[in-house]
Protein backbone atom coordinates (compact mmCIF):
# COMPACT_ATOMS: atom_id res chain seq x y z
CA MET A 1 44.65 -45.05 -42.57
CA LYS A 2 47.75 -45.09 -40.36
CA VAL A 3 49.45 -48.43 -39.93
CA PHE A 4 52.36 -48.35 -37.54
CA TYR A 5 55.76 -50.04 -38.22
CA ASN A 6 59.53 -49.40 -38.05
CA THR A 7 62.47 -51.51 -38.87
CA GLU A 8 62.98 -52.56 -35.16
CA TYR A 9 59.85 -54.64 -35.62
CA VAL A 10 62.52 -57.18 -37.38
CA ALA A 11 65.54 -56.32 -35.23
CA PRO A 12 66.27 -59.63 -33.80
CA ALA A 13 68.92 -61.98 -35.33
CA HIS A 14 66.74 -65.00 -35.00
CA ALA A 15 65.02 -65.37 -38.38
CA PHE A 16 61.39 -66.39 -38.16
CA GLU A 17 58.13 -65.33 -39.63
CA THR A 18 57.17 -63.48 -36.75
CA THR A 19 60.53 -61.70 -36.70
CA ARG A 20 60.39 -60.96 -40.39
CA LYS A 21 57.28 -60.77 -42.16
CA SER A 22 56.41 -57.28 -41.17
CA SER A 23 58.95 -55.75 -43.18
CA GLN A 24 57.53 -57.55 -46.23
CA VAL A 25 53.98 -56.22 -45.48
CA ALA A 26 55.66 -52.67 -45.05
CA GLU A 27 57.40 -53.01 -48.36
CA ALA A 28 53.88 -53.77 -49.89
CA VAL A 29 52.14 -50.81 -48.27
CA THR A 30 55.02 -48.54 -49.28
CA ALA A 31 54.59 -49.77 -52.96
CA GLY A 32 51.11 -48.81 -52.89
CA ARG A 33 49.39 -52.10 -52.78
CA VAL A 34 46.85 -50.90 -50.32
CA GLN A 35 45.16 -48.03 -51.29
CA GLY A 36 44.49 -45.34 -48.33
CA ALA A 37 47.08 -46.92 -46.11
CA GLU A 38 50.11 -45.01 -44.80
CA LEU A 39 53.01 -46.22 -42.62
CA ALA A 40 53.64 -44.43 -39.54
CA ASP A 41 56.72 -44.69 -36.76
CA PRO A 42 55.63 -45.38 -33.30
CA GLN A 43 59.19 -44.41 -31.89
CA ALA A 44 57.63 -41.04 -30.30
CA ILE A 45 56.09 -43.22 -27.47
CA ILE A 46 58.95 -45.80 -26.79
CA ASP A 47 59.38 -44.25 -23.45
CA LEU A 48 55.70 -44.55 -22.26
CA CYS A 49 55.42 -47.88 -23.93
CA GLU A 50 58.26 -49.34 -21.61
CA GLU A 51 56.34 -47.88 -18.57
CA LEU A 52 53.27 -49.55 -19.67
CA ILE A 53 54.79 -52.88 -20.24
CA ALA A 54 56.27 -52.82 -16.79
CA GLN A 55 52.69 -52.58 -15.55
CA VAL A 56 51.70 -56.02 -17.46
CA HIS A 57 54.58 -58.19 -17.22
CA ASP A 58 56.95 -59.37 -14.37
CA PRO A 59 60.12 -57.27 -13.82
CA ASP A 60 62.60 -60.19 -13.79
CA TYR A 61 61.09 -61.14 -17.11
CA ILE A 62 61.69 -57.66 -18.70
CA LYS A 63 65.28 -57.57 -17.24
CA ALA A 64 65.95 -60.91 -19.04
CA LEU A 65 64.45 -59.48 -22.32
CA LYS A 66 66.89 -56.66 -22.04
CA THR A 67 69.95 -58.64 -20.84
CA GLY A 68 69.56 -61.99 -22.08
CA GLU A 69 69.82 -63.54 -18.46
CA PRO A 70 68.73 -65.79 -17.45
CA SER A 71 68.52 -67.42 -20.77
CA TYR A 72 65.54 -69.42 -20.05
CA LEU A 73 63.45 -66.52 -19.46
CA ALA A 74 64.96 -64.28 -22.21
CA GLU A 75 64.40 -67.15 -24.61
CA SER A 76 61.10 -68.28 -23.23
CA GLN A 77 59.09 -67.36 -26.27
CA GLY A 78 61.24 -69.80 -28.35
CA PHE A 79 63.90 -67.47 -30.10
CA ALA A 80 67.53 -67.34 -29.43
CA TRP A 81 68.19 -64.04 -27.63
CA ASP A 82 69.95 -60.99 -28.87
CA PRO A 83 69.62 -57.19 -28.13
CA GLY A 84 66.96 -57.07 -30.87
CA ILE A 85 64.57 -59.13 -28.83
CA TRP A 86 63.71 -56.32 -26.52
CA SER A 87 63.89 -53.75 -29.38
CA MET A 88 61.51 -55.73 -31.38
CA ALA A 89 59.15 -56.27 -28.44
CA VAL A 90 59.08 -52.58 -27.28
CA ASN A 91 58.72 -51.03 -30.79
CA SER A 92 56.15 -53.60 -31.85
CA THR A 93 54.20 -52.92 -28.66
CA ALA A 94 54.38 -49.09 -29.09
CA GLY A 95 52.97 -49.62 -32.59
CA VAL A 96 49.76 -51.38 -31.14
CA LEU A 97 49.33 -48.29 -28.46
CA ALA A 98 49.96 -45.82 -31.09
CA ALA A 99 47.37 -47.34 -33.39
CA ALA A 100 44.79 -47.53 -30.35
CA GLU A 101 45.36 -43.85 -29.67
CA VAL A 102 44.68 -43.12 -33.28
CA ALA A 103 41.38 -45.28 -33.17
CA VAL A 104 40.31 -43.83 -29.83
CA ALA A 105 41.24 -40.15 -30.84
CA THR A 106 39.50 -40.33 -34.24
CA GLY A 107 37.02 -43.03 -34.38
CA ARG A 108 38.84 -44.30 -37.50
CA PRO A 109 40.53 -47.75 -37.88
CA SER A 110 44.07 -48.11 -37.40
CA GLY A 111 46.66 -50.84 -37.21
CA SER A 112 50.30 -52.16 -36.27
CA LEU A 113 52.09 -54.64 -38.23
CA SER A 114 52.83 -56.39 -35.14
CA SER A 115 52.57 -60.15 -34.32
CA GLY A 116 53.78 -62.39 -31.53
CA LEU A 117 51.50 -61.15 -28.78
CA HIS A 118 48.66 -63.30 -27.34
CA HIS A 119 50.67 -66.29 -25.66
CA ALA A 120 53.05 -63.99 -23.88
CA ARG A 121 52.22 -64.30 -20.03
CA TYR A 122 53.06 -62.08 -17.00
CA SER A 123 56.38 -63.70 -16.20
CA ASN A 124 57.51 -65.46 -19.48
CA GLY A 125 57.18 -65.59 -23.00
CA SER A 126 55.41 -68.66 -24.85
CA GLY A 127 54.40 -69.75 -28.51
CA TYR A 128 56.77 -67.25 -30.30
CA CYS A 129 55.18 -64.48 -28.33
CA THR A 130 57.33 -61.99 -26.28
CA VAL A 131 55.28 -59.12 -25.01
CA ASN A 132 51.54 -59.16 -24.86
CA GLY A 133 50.74 -56.09 -26.81
CA LEU A 134 47.07 -56.75 -26.91
CA ALA A 135 46.89 -56.69 -22.92
CA VAL A 136 49.20 -53.43 -22.94
CA ALA A 137 46.95 -51.64 -25.29
CA ALA A 138 43.77 -52.92 -23.64
CA ARG A 139 44.65 -51.85 -20.31
CA TRP A 140 45.76 -48.31 -21.37
CA ALA A 141 42.63 -47.94 -23.60
CA ALA A 142 40.38 -49.07 -20.69
CA ALA A 143 41.82 -46.15 -18.62
CA GLN A 144 40.85 -43.58 -21.25
CA VAL A 145 37.41 -44.50 -22.00
CA ALA A 146 34.25 -45.18 -19.95
CA GLY A 147 32.83 -48.21 -21.83
CA HIS A 148 34.16 -51.51 -22.72
CA VAL A 149 37.35 -52.39 -24.65
CA THR A 150 36.86 -55.68 -26.49
CA ILE A 151 39.65 -57.86 -27.76
CA LEU A 152 38.53 -60.02 -30.67
CA ASP A 153 41.18 -62.88 -31.38
CA THR A 154 40.98 -64.75 -34.44
CA ASP A 155 44.48 -66.43 -34.33
CA ALA A 156 44.44 -70.21 -35.03
CA HIS A 157 45.47 -70.77 -31.56
CA CYS A 158 43.99 -69.99 -28.23
CA GLY A 159 45.24 -66.64 -26.38
CA GLY A 160 46.10 -68.23 -23.05
CA GLY A 161 48.38 -65.34 -22.36
CA THR A 162 45.89 -62.70 -22.81
CA HIS A 163 43.39 -64.63 -20.55
CA GLN A 164 45.96 -64.84 -17.78
CA LEU A 165 46.71 -61.02 -17.98
CA LEU A 166 43.21 -59.66 -18.27
CA ASP A 167 40.76 -62.46 -16.78
CA ASP A 168 40.12 -59.92 -13.76
CA GLU A 169 39.34 -56.76 -15.84
CA GLU A 170 35.60 -56.02 -15.72
CA ARG A 171 35.55 -53.82 -18.72
CA ILE A 172 37.68 -55.76 -21.08
CA LEU A 173 35.88 -58.34 -22.83
CA HIS A 174 37.95 -61.21 -24.44
CA LEU A 175 36.50 -63.05 -27.44
CA ASP A 176 38.49 -65.80 -28.85
CA LEU A 177 38.02 -67.76 -31.89
CA SER A 178 40.51 -70.68 -32.51
CA VAL A 179 40.77 -73.77 -34.91
CA ASN A 180 43.58 -75.11 -32.73
CA SER A 181 43.61 -75.91 -28.96
CA PHE A 182 47.05 -74.95 -28.34
CA ASP A 183 47.11 -72.65 -25.19
CA CYS A 184 43.57 -73.30 -24.34
CA TYR A 185 42.14 -72.07 -21.07
CA GLU A 186 38.88 -71.97 -19.01
CA PRO A 187 37.42 -68.49 -19.67
CA VAL A 188 35.96 -66.33 -16.78
CA GLY A 189 32.91 -63.95 -16.56
CA ASP A 190 31.56 -63.19 -19.81
CA ASN A 191 35.01 -63.85 -21.69
CA GLU A 192 34.47 -66.61 -24.33
CA LEU A 193 36.67 -69.29 -26.01
CA SER A 194 35.46 -70.95 -29.06
CA ILE A 195 37.47 -73.72 -30.65
CA LEU A 196 36.36 -74.98 -34.17
CA ILE A 197 37.92 -78.14 -35.36
CA ASN A 198 38.13 -78.46 -39.24
CA PRO A 199 35.22 -76.12 -39.69
CA ASP A 200 33.69 -75.39 -43.01
CA GLU A 201 33.41 -71.75 -44.39
CA THR A 202 29.63 -71.69 -43.24
CA GLU A 203 30.38 -72.72 -39.87
CA TYR A 204 33.44 -70.52 -39.52
CA LEU A 205 31.97 -67.32 -40.55
CA ALA A 206 28.84 -67.93 -38.53
CA GLU A 207 30.98 -67.96 -35.61
CA VAL A 208 32.67 -64.98 -36.58
CA ASP A 209 29.21 -63.08 -36.86
CA ARG A 210 28.09 -64.52 -33.56
CA LEU A 211 31.20 -63.38 -31.53
CA LEU A 212 30.68 -59.96 -33.15
CA SER A 213 26.99 -59.91 -31.96
CA ARG A 214 28.46 -60.40 -28.28
CA VAL A 215 30.42 -57.12 -28.29
CA PRO A 216 29.12 -54.85 -25.81
CA SER A 217 27.20 -51.83 -27.17
CA ASP A 218 29.27 -49.71 -24.94
CA THR A 219 32.51 -50.86 -26.45
CA GLU A 220 34.80 -47.91 -27.23
CA LEU A 221 37.64 -49.95 -28.67
CA LEU A 222 37.77 -53.18 -30.52
CA ILE A 223 41.17 -54.68 -30.53
CA TYR A 224 41.28 -57.19 -33.34
CA ASN A 225 44.16 -59.89 -33.41
CA ALA A 226 43.73 -60.75 -37.24
CA GLY A 227 45.49 -64.22 -37.56
CA MET A 228 45.94 -65.69 -40.79
CA ASP A 229 47.20 -69.03 -39.33
CA PRO A 230 43.91 -70.49 -39.45
CA TYR A 231 44.93 -71.22 -43.28
CA PRO A 232 44.83 -73.88 -44.67
CA THR A 233 42.12 -75.30 -42.38
CA VAL A 234 40.17 -72.19 -43.14
CA THR A 235 40.64 -71.17 -47.04
CA ARG A 236 41.94 -68.02 -48.18
CA ALA A 237 38.53 -66.78 -49.59
CA CYS A 238 37.08 -67.37 -46.12
CA LEU A 239 39.66 -65.48 -44.22
CA ALA A 240 39.34 -62.51 -46.78
CA GLU A 241 35.60 -62.67 -46.04
CA ARG A 242 36.23 -62.58 -42.34
CA GLU A 243 38.29 -59.37 -42.56
CA ARG A 244 35.53 -57.69 -44.62
CA ARG A 245 32.82 -58.66 -42.17
CA VAL A 246 34.84 -57.50 -39.18
CA ALA A 247 35.72 -54.29 -40.88
CA GLN A 248 31.95 -53.63 -42.05
CA TRP A 249 30.73 -54.63 -38.55
CA CYS A 250 32.96 -51.93 -37.02
CA THR A 251 32.02 -49.27 -39.61
CA GLU A 252 28.16 -50.01 -39.02
CA GLN A 253 28.40 -50.19 -35.29
CA ARG A 254 30.62 -46.95 -35.17
CA VAL A 255 33.35 -49.06 -33.25
CA PRO A 256 36.88 -47.71 -33.30
CA VAL A 257 39.15 -50.58 -34.06
CA VAL A 258 42.81 -51.23 -34.01
CA PHE A 259 44.10 -54.34 -35.82
CA VAL A 260 47.61 -56.52 -35.60
CA LEU A 261 48.67 -59.08 -37.84
CA ALA A 262 48.86 -62.18 -35.37
CA GLY A 263 49.65 -65.45 -36.45
CA GLY A 264 50.71 -66.37 -40.22
CA TYR A 265 53.40 -69.05 -40.94
CA LEU A 266 55.31 -70.56 -43.97
CA THR A 267 54.34 -74.31 -43.14
CA ALA A 268 51.52 -74.05 -45.84
CA LEU A 269 52.66 -70.75 -47.86
CA ASP A 270 55.69 -68.99 -49.21
CA MET A 271 56.48 -65.41 -47.81
CA GLU A 272 54.55 -63.72 -50.76
CA GLY A 273 51.51 -65.80 -50.19
CA LEU A 274 51.62 -65.07 -46.28
CA VAL A 275 52.04 -61.29 -47.36
CA ASP A 276 48.93 -61.38 -49.52
CA LEU A 277 46.87 -62.95 -46.91
CA HIS A 278 47.94 -60.17 -44.42
CA LEU A 279 47.29 -57.51 -46.79
CA GLU A 280 43.64 -58.69 -46.81
CA THR A 281 43.28 -57.34 -43.28
CA LEU A 282 44.88 -53.84 -44.39
CA ARG A 283 42.70 -53.71 -47.40
CA ALA A 284 39.56 -54.46 -45.38
CA PHE A 285 40.13 -51.69 -43.00
CA ALA A 286 41.37 -49.10 -45.40
CA ASP A 287 38.23 -49.83 -47.62
CA HIS A 288 35.94 -48.94 -44.65
CA ASP A 289 38.07 -46.02 -43.34
CA HIS A 290 36.12 -43.53 -45.56
CA GLN A 291 32.86 -44.97 -44.16
CA THR A 292 33.73 -44.36 -40.72
CA ALA A 293 31.62 -41.15 -40.45
CA PRO A 294 27.85 -41.49 -40.05
CA ALA A 295 25.84 -40.95 -43.28
CA ASP A 296 24.10 -37.94 -41.85
CA LEU A 297 27.34 -36.02 -40.78
CA GLU A 298 29.84 -34.26 -42.75
CA THR A 299 33.39 -33.71 -42.08
CA PHE A 300 34.75 -30.15 -42.06
CA SER A 301 38.13 -28.93 -41.14
CA LYS A 302 39.41 -25.60 -39.64
CA THR A 303 43.16 -24.82 -39.93
CA ARG A 304 44.45 -24.26 -36.43
CA PRO A 305 47.19 -21.95 -35.30
CA GLY A 306 50.33 -24.30 -35.63
CA GLY A 307 49.23 -25.87 -38.75
CA TRP A 308 47.18 -28.77 -37.71
CA ASP A 309 44.04 -29.54 -39.63
CA GLY A 310 41.35 -30.37 -36.85
CA ARG A 311 38.27 -32.14 -37.80
CA LEU A 312 35.01 -32.19 -36.08
CA MET A 313 31.94 -34.04 -37.16
CA ALA A 314 29.26 -31.62 -37.95
CA PRO A 315 25.52 -32.11 -38.99
CA GLN A 316 24.62 -30.96 -42.59
CA THR A 317 21.28 -29.14 -41.60
CA ASP A 318 21.18 -28.87 -37.79
CA MET A 319 22.60 -30.01 -34.53
CA SER A 320 20.77 -33.28 -34.14
CA PHE A 321 23.42 -36.07 -33.53
CA PRO A 322 22.84 -39.82 -33.25
CA THR A 323 22.78 -40.60 -29.52
CA PRO A 324 25.17 -41.79 -28.23
CA THR A 325 28.12 -40.20 -29.87
CA THR A 326 31.69 -39.34 -28.85
CA ILE A 327 34.17 -37.15 -30.05
CA TRP A 328 37.50 -36.86 -29.02
CA ILE A 329 39.64 -33.43 -29.66
CA ASP A 330 43.05 -32.46 -28.49
CA ASP A 331 42.78 -29.07 -26.71
CA PRO A 332 45.28 -27.40 -28.94
CA ALA A 333 42.96 -28.19 -31.87
CA ILE A 334 39.72 -26.52 -30.66
CA ASN A 335 38.65 -22.79 -30.01
CA GLN A 336 36.04 -21.48 -27.93
CA GLU A 337 33.47 -21.23 -30.80
CA ASP A 338 33.61 -24.89 -31.36
CA MET A 339 33.28 -25.70 -27.55
CA ASP A 340 30.03 -23.46 -27.68
CA LEU A 341 28.81 -25.27 -30.62
CA LEU A 342 29.20 -28.67 -28.97
CA ASP A 343 27.83 -27.33 -25.75
CA GLU A 344 24.78 -26.18 -27.44
CA ALA A 345 24.33 -29.33 -29.36
CA GLY A 346 23.59 -31.30 -26.03
CA PHE A 347 27.26 -32.47 -25.52
CA HIS A 348 28.88 -32.60 -22.21
CA HIS A 349 32.94 -32.85 -22.10
CA GLU A 350 35.43 -34.30 -19.84
CA THR A 351 39.16 -34.30 -20.00
CA ARG A 352 41.50 -37.40 -20.51
CA SER A 353 45.11 -38.22 -20.46
CA SER A 354 46.68 -39.01 -23.63
CA LEU A 355 49.68 -40.65 -25.11
CA GLY A 356 50.23 -37.57 -27.20
CA SER A 357 49.31 -36.41 -30.51
CA ILE A 358 50.21 -39.56 -32.36
CA ALA A 359 46.59 -39.21 -33.98
CA GLN A 360 47.57 -36.06 -35.60
CA SER A 361 50.94 -37.17 -36.78
CA GLY A 362 52.72 -34.84 -34.51
CA PRO A 363 55.04 -35.30 -31.54
CA PRO A 364 53.86 -36.47 -28.11
CA ASP A 365 51.84 -33.87 -26.26
CA PRO A 366 51.33 -33.91 -22.79
CA ARG A 367 48.15 -31.74 -22.36
CA PRO A 368 45.00 -33.57 -21.73
CA SER A 369 42.18 -33.69 -24.56
CA ARG A 370 38.50 -33.22 -24.17
CA ARG A 371 35.94 -35.88 -24.87
CA TRP A 372 32.34 -34.73 -25.80
CA SER A 373 29.51 -37.10 -25.75
CA THR A 374 25.86 -37.13 -25.84
CA THR A 375 24.02 -38.07 -23.02
CA THR A 376 21.93 -41.12 -23.24
């Protein structure tokens, strides 16, 4: 399972959990504490990420993040400005985008060690959030897929910035579970904000299950803001169970998922304890990564020219696929024989734009990809 991170995530001089904890989580992954997880660098898509951020945030705010002027904008998230603020924001957002690309392209879970996202608004930061990577990734993903993109936010606080940026997006559903009313808002359309004050474990997990049941059946990407700051209102064991349930649900429903760290602070924990909580998220999705493929399908690979080991889903006995099924394959990775096989199986295909071949661990590739899906 690919988890995106680089040292620019912790570039700011301002020391705070949001600007430091990702490096500690990355060290834990490097040390092998999450079986099946591997770190990847989103640096290759930084330029594209800046373009996409400019489609979500006000140009004056972006300029302030880059230059430090005016300071009331540059420091509106609550951090003293230095050049590392913008570097952190753009690299962390690139990580969310890269993880979304992996999930959409492969159907497998992926993540980014990003935090400080959901309070950021169009023209300013807020609540230790600088750039709203959830909104950036959701808008990009909605342009790639035909179905819904759903954001499930379980940070302790409400995602008012995400609400402001996405409340008019018909194919992006925002489901928000909070235990604190900070940054609360009035949801529109089918979006939902649920605030539980001092819930017990049964109540909290039941609400997680209920919100998962609201995810549309045509969702082609779930963006999961996996906050650990409900602790200590919500126990460690309950948060670990929440992660297991979300990961299991994504596997059972065959919904590609990208996760980010979101909130988690040292008010009730030391750094070791906070890292341990965030590792629960990584372990839950890594444990379910190998279960992503349907039980009646086997994965086979063919070595392509250029060395990429492309993977297609193929049935064990015949060409009967579950309906609906979607497969994304980069053009360089598929030959005519494979295309004929999929066509004969009742698939139709279309092209899409792509961030590149981040999903295959290669450099960005401007060529389009094909999307095969069974008709319903």
